[in-house]
Amino acid sequence: MKILGIDNNSKTVKGLKQNISTAIIYLAPSNASGVTNTCPSASKQCREACLFTAGRGRMSPIQEARINKTKFLVNDEETFLRQLWKETAAHEKRCNKNDLFAAERLNGTSDLAWEDYRLDGQNIFEAHPNIQFYDYTKRMDRAVKFANGLYPKNYHLTFSRSENTSDSTVRDLLKRGVNVATVYWKELPEEDFGGFRVINGDENDARFRDPIGVVVGLKYKPTKADNPAAMDFIRKTKTVVKEVAQC
């Protein structure tokens, strides 16, 4: 069973335009695997509108593969990690050969604390210091840890807002240099949460190259959720974001 998918996601593949090659892990989100909860801070609406049911993720063979991969991690963690380490090293080698920047997103549809998974005394960030790792997270403890500079320099986190996240919390994180991903209904505003700049996060997935202290605007992607327009985690605005250059 292969763990990493490389440049085969409709969003991460956009990084190739910036010479970025992205590897990503897709596990079964929340309790979907039946063996563990991979998203301990997922809100009710997050679970209802999860990307696990969007796009190719709606296809049952793909969901089954993600569930099996999650069971692999839970049932034989060391073997899983050794294979992940091996695939990560191969990804880096391939990128070096093709003059590409190597990036890796460990939580494609999960929210695990990968810093706690260790093999031979090292977590994956320490074992592969030349790869840029990044993730979205709804875990406040991890967002605060990132804000306090407690992660390796090659790991970047973007906090993912839910319907349970207050505007004051968003503003506090932004002031502390933690970018906040926010889902919008049909339009992206130029500013939000009291004057913070909104960038178009759908242009690419290279969150580690975003400016510091910005809202990462993402348009809602259709899932099987009932009445998504009524969901509080989706912000509705009236002004459309203008063309914004990202650094």
Protein backbone atom coordinates (compact mmCIF):
# COMPACT_ATOMS: atom_id res chain seq x y z
CA MET A 1 0.00 0.00 0.00
CA LYS A 2 1.46 3.34 -1.08
CA ILE A 3 1.15 6.06 1.55
CA LEU A 4 2.00 9.26 -0.34
CA GLY A 5 0.26 10.68 -3.36
CA ILE A 6 2.50 13.03 -5.34
CA ASP A 7 1.18 15.87 -7.51
CA ASN A 8 -2.08 14.00 -8.05
CA ASN A 9 -4.39 16.42 -6.27
CA SER A 10 -6.21 19.15 -8.20
CA LYS A 11 -4.98 21.82 -5.80
CA THR A 12 -1.50 20.71 -4.80
CA VAL A 13 -0.60 20.09 -8.45
CA LYS A 14 -0.89 23.86 -8.99
CA GLY A 15 2.38 24.14 -7.10
CA LEU A 16 4.22 22.77 -10.12
CA LYS A 17 3.77 26.20 -11.71
CA GLN A 18 5.99 27.47 -8.88
CA ASN A 19 8.38 24.53 -9.23
CA ILE A 20 6.94 22.88 -6.10
CA SER A 21 6.30 19.13 -6.02
CA THR A 22 3.89 18.16 -3.25
CA ALA A 23 3.42 14.79 -1.59
CA ILE A 24 0.28 14.31 0.51
CA ILE A 25 -1.23 11.72 2.84
CA TYR A 26 -4.96 11.07 2.73
CA LEU A 27 -6.30 9.20 5.72
CA ALA A 28 -9.91 8.61 6.76
CA PRO A 29 -11.05 11.73 8.64
CA SER A 30 -12.47 11.88 12.14
CA ASN A 31 -13.98 8.50 13.14
CA ALA A 32 -14.56 7.27 9.57
CA SER A 33 -12.00 4.47 9.89
CA GLY A 34 -13.70 2.90 12.88
CA VAL A 35 -10.36 2.42 14.63
CA THR A 36 -9.27 5.93 15.67
CA ASN A 37 -10.22 9.60 15.55
CA THR A 38 -7.80 11.34 13.21
CA CYS A 39 -9.46 14.77 13.70
CA PRO A 40 -9.84 15.28 17.47
CA SER A 41 -10.87 18.93 17.13
CA ALA A 42 -13.26 18.59 14.19
CA SER A 43 -16.52 20.46 14.66
CA LYS A 44 -19.94 19.07 13.78
CA GLN A 45 -20.20 21.11 10.57
CA CYS A 46 -16.62 20.27 9.63
CA ARG A 47 -17.49 16.57 9.77
CA GLU A 48 -20.67 17.11 7.77
CA ALA A 49 -18.91 19.04 5.00
CA CYS A 50 -15.59 17.20 5.05
CA LEU A 51 -13.63 17.00 1.79
CA PHE A 52 -13.70 13.24 2.34
CA THR A 53 -17.01 13.50 0.47
CA ALA A 54 -15.88 16.04 -2.12
CA GLY A 55 -14.50 15.45 -5.62
CA ARG A 56 -12.77 12.11 -6.12
CA GLY A 57 -13.13 11.48 -2.39
CA ARG A 58 -16.80 10.66 -2.96
CA MET A 59 -15.85 7.50 -4.80
CA SER A 60 -16.12 4.49 -2.50
CA PRO A 61 -12.83 2.83 -3.65
CA ILE A 62 -10.96 5.99 -2.67
CA GLN A 63 -12.71 6.18 0.69
CA GLU A 64 -11.95 2.51 1.28
CA ALA A 65 -8.27 3.05 0.46
CA ARG A 66 -8.06 5.91 2.95
CA ILE A 67 -9.72 3.82 5.63
CA ASN A 68 -7.29 0.95 4.99
CA LYS A 69 -4.35 3.35 5.17
CA THR A 70 -5.58 4.61 8.53
CA LYS A 71 -5.92 1.07 9.83
CA PHE A 72 -2.38 0.40 8.63
CA LEU A 73 -1.09 3.29 10.75
CA VAL A 74 -3.03 2.20 13.82
CA ASN A 75 -2.39 -1.54 13.58
CA ASP A 76 1.28 -1.48 12.58
CA GLU A 77 2.63 1.97 13.34
CA GLU A 78 6.33 1.16 13.00
CA THR A 79 5.96 -0.47 9.58
CA PHE A 80 3.77 2.44 8.44
CA LEU A 81 6.35 4.98 9.59
CA ARG A 82 9.25 3.12 7.99
CA GLN A 83 7.41 3.09 4.69
CA LEU A 84 6.49 6.78 5.06
CA TRP A 85 10.13 7.64 5.80
CA LYS A 86 11.18 5.63 2.72
CA GLU A 87 8.61 7.28 0.42
CA THR A 88 9.51 10.71 1.78
CA ALA A 89 13.20 10.12 1.06
CA ALA A 90 12.30 8.98 -2.47
CA HIS A 91 10.20 12.12 -2.96
CA GLU A 92 13.13 14.30 -1.92
CA LYS A 93 15.50 12.40 -4.21
CA ARG A 94 13.13 12.74 -7.17
CA CYS A 95 12.74 16.48 -6.53
CA ASN A 96 16.51 16.98 -6.35
CA LYS A 97 16.94 15.09 -9.61
CA ASN A 98 14.31 17.19 -11.37
CA ASP A 99 15.25 20.53 -9.77
CA LEU A 100 11.93 20.76 -7.89
CA PHE A 101 11.19 22.15 -4.43
CA ALA A 102 10.04 19.27 -2.20
CA ALA A 103 6.95 19.85 -0.07
CA GLU A 104 4.89 17.39 1.93
CA ARG A 105 1.45 17.72 3.52
CA LEU A 106 0.88 15.01 6.11
CA ASN A 107 -2.75 15.78 6.96
CA GLY A 108 -4.67 15.82 3.70
CA THR A 109 -7.92 14.77 5.39
CA SER A 110 -6.74 14.32 8.97
CA ASP A 111 -5.38 16.41 11.84
CA LEU A 112 -2.78 14.26 13.53
CA ALA A 113 0.12 15.59 15.59
CA TRP A 114 2.88 14.11 13.45
CA GLU A 115 5.52 15.57 15.74
CA ASP A 116 4.56 12.83 18.22
CA TYR A 117 5.24 9.97 15.78
CA ARG A 118 8.87 8.92 16.11
CA LEU A 119 11.07 6.41 14.36
CA ASP A 120 14.55 5.70 15.71
CA GLY A 121 14.19 8.69 18.02
CA GLN A 122 13.21 11.26 15.37
CA ASN A 123 9.96 12.64 14.05
CA ILE A 124 9.58 13.08 10.31
CA PHE A 125 10.53 16.77 10.35
CA GLU A 126 13.81 16.01 12.07
CA ALA A 127 14.52 12.99 9.89
CA HIS A 128 13.93 14.94 6.64
CA PRO A 129 15.13 18.51 7.32
CA ASN A 130 15.36 19.45 3.64
CA ILE A 131 11.66 18.95 2.95
CA GLN A 132 9.10 21.69 3.61
CA PHE A 133 6.24 20.13 5.58
CA TYR A 134 2.94 21.93 6.11
CA ASP A 135 -0.62 21.35 7.27
CA TYR A 136 -3.93 22.92 8.13
CA THR A 137 -5.12 22.30 11.69
CA LYS A 138 -8.19 22.93 13.83
CA ARG A 139 -6.24 22.06 16.97
CA MET A 140 -5.72 25.20 19.03
CA ASP A 141 -2.88 23.61 20.99
CA ARG A 142 -0.94 23.07 17.78
CA ALA A 143 -1.72 26.58 16.49
CA VAL A 144 -0.42 28.10 19.73
CA LYS A 145 2.66 25.91 19.59
CA PHE A 146 3.32 27.15 16.06
CA ALA A 147 2.76 30.77 17.14
CA ASN A 148 5.34 30.29 19.89
CA GLY A 149 7.93 28.97 17.43
CA LEU A 150 8.02 25.50 18.98
CA TYR A 151 7.97 23.56 15.71
CA PRO A 152 10.94 22.86 13.44
CA LYS A 153 11.51 25.55 10.82
CA ASN A 154 10.55 23.12 8.06
CA TYR A 155 6.99 22.68 9.38
CA HIS A 156 4.32 25.31 8.71
CA LEU A 157 0.79 25.35 10.11
CA THR A 158 -2.31 27.27 9.04
CA PHE A 159 -5.20 27.31 11.50
CA SER A 160 -8.53 26.21 10.02
CA ARG A 161 -11.53 28.17 11.28
CA SER A 162 -14.77 26.34 12.19
CA GLU A 163 -18.21 27.50 13.30
CA ASN A 164 -16.92 27.26 16.89
CA THR A 165 -14.07 29.72 16.30
CA SER A 166 -14.89 33.22 17.54
CA ASP A 167 -13.85 36.27 15.54
CA SER A 168 -11.74 37.40 18.49
CA THR A 169 -9.83 34.12 18.41
CA VAL A 170 -9.19 34.56 14.68
CA ARG A 171 -7.91 38.09 15.25
CA ASP A 172 -5.66 36.94 18.09
CA LEU A 173 -4.09 34.20 15.97
CA LEU A 174 -3.58 36.57 13.04
CA LYS A 175 -1.89 39.12 15.30
CA ARG A 176 0.42 36.36 16.52
CA GLY A 177 1.44 35.50 12.98
CA VAL A 178 -0.72 32.42 12.49
CA ASN A 179 -2.65 32.50 9.23
CA VAL A 180 -6.28 31.41 9.41
CA ALA A 181 -7.99 29.48 6.62
CA THR A 182 -11.63 30.52 6.26
CA VAL A 183 -14.27 29.05 3.98
CA TYR A 184 -16.46 31.54 2.12
CA TRP A 185 -19.70 30.87 0.31
CA LYS A 186 -19.37 32.33 -3.21
CA GLU A 187 -17.16 35.38 -2.86
CA LEU A 188 -13.92 36.28 -1.14
CA PRO A 189 -13.72 39.68 0.57
CA GLU A 190 -10.72 41.92 0.29
CA GLU A 191 -10.56 42.13 4.09
CA ASP A 192 -12.25 40.38 7.00
CA PHE A 193 -12.24 40.09 10.79
CA GLY A 194 -11.74 43.81 11.25
CA GLY A 195 -9.32 44.74 8.50
CA PHE A 196 -7.13 41.69 7.96
CA ARG A 197 -6.15 41.00 4.37
CA VAL A 198 -7.75 38.01 2.64
CA ILE A 199 -5.74 36.11 0.05
CA ASN A 200 -7.07 33.57 -2.42
CA GLY A 201 -6.05 30.21 -0.99
CA ASP A 202 -7.48 28.32 -3.96
CA GLU A 203 -4.75 29.58 -6.29
CA ASN A 204 -2.35 27.02 -4.85
CA ASP A 205 -1.73 24.97 -1.71
CA ALA A 206 1.70 26.34 -0.85
CA ARG A 207 0.61 27.80 2.48
CA PHE A 208 4.22 28.03 3.68
CA ARG A 209 4.77 30.79 1.10
CA ASP A 210 1.83 32.94 2.21
CA PRO A 211 2.46 36.33 3.83
CA ILE A 212 2.28 36.31 7.63
CA GLY A 213 -0.92 37.32 9.40
CA VAL A 214 -3.43 36.91 6.57
CA VAL A 215 -6.77 35.18 6.15
CA VAL A 216 -6.52 32.33 3.65
CA GLY A 217 -9.82 32.51 1.79
CA LEU A 218 -11.19 29.25 0.39
CA LYS A 219 -14.42 28.97 -1.57
CA TYR A 220 -16.78 26.26 -0.39
CA LYS A 221 -16.32 22.99 -2.29
CA PRO A 222 -19.52 20.96 -2.88
CA THR A 223 -19.88 17.93 -0.62
CA LYS A 224 -22.83 15.79 0.36
CA ALA A 225 -23.63 18.07 3.30
CA ASP A 226 -27.25 19.08 3.69
CA ASN A 227 -28.01 22.77 3.11
CA PRO A 228 -24.42 24.06 3.19
CA ALA A 229 -25.59 27.64 2.69
CA ALA A 230 -26.95 27.57 6.25
CA MET A 231 -23.70 26.36 7.80
CA ASP A 232 -22.06 28.84 10.16
CA PHE A 233 -18.50 27.83 9.31
CA ILE A 234 -19.05 29.24 5.81
CA ARG A 235 -18.82 33.03 5.86
CA LYS A 236 -21.02 34.99 3.48
CA THR A 237 -19.70 38.27 2.10
CA LYS A 238 -20.67 40.76 -0.57
CA THR A 239 -17.39 42.07 -1.92
CA VAL A 240 -15.25 40.05 -4.31
CA VAL A 241 -11.53 39.87 -3.70
CA LYS A 242 -9.42 41.67 -6.28
CA GLU A 243 -6.38 40.10 -7.86
CA VAL A 244 -3.88 39.65 -5.04
CA ALA A 245 -0.25 38.73 -5.56
CA GLN A 246 1.16 36.15 -3.18
CA CYS A 247 4.78 36.10 -2.18
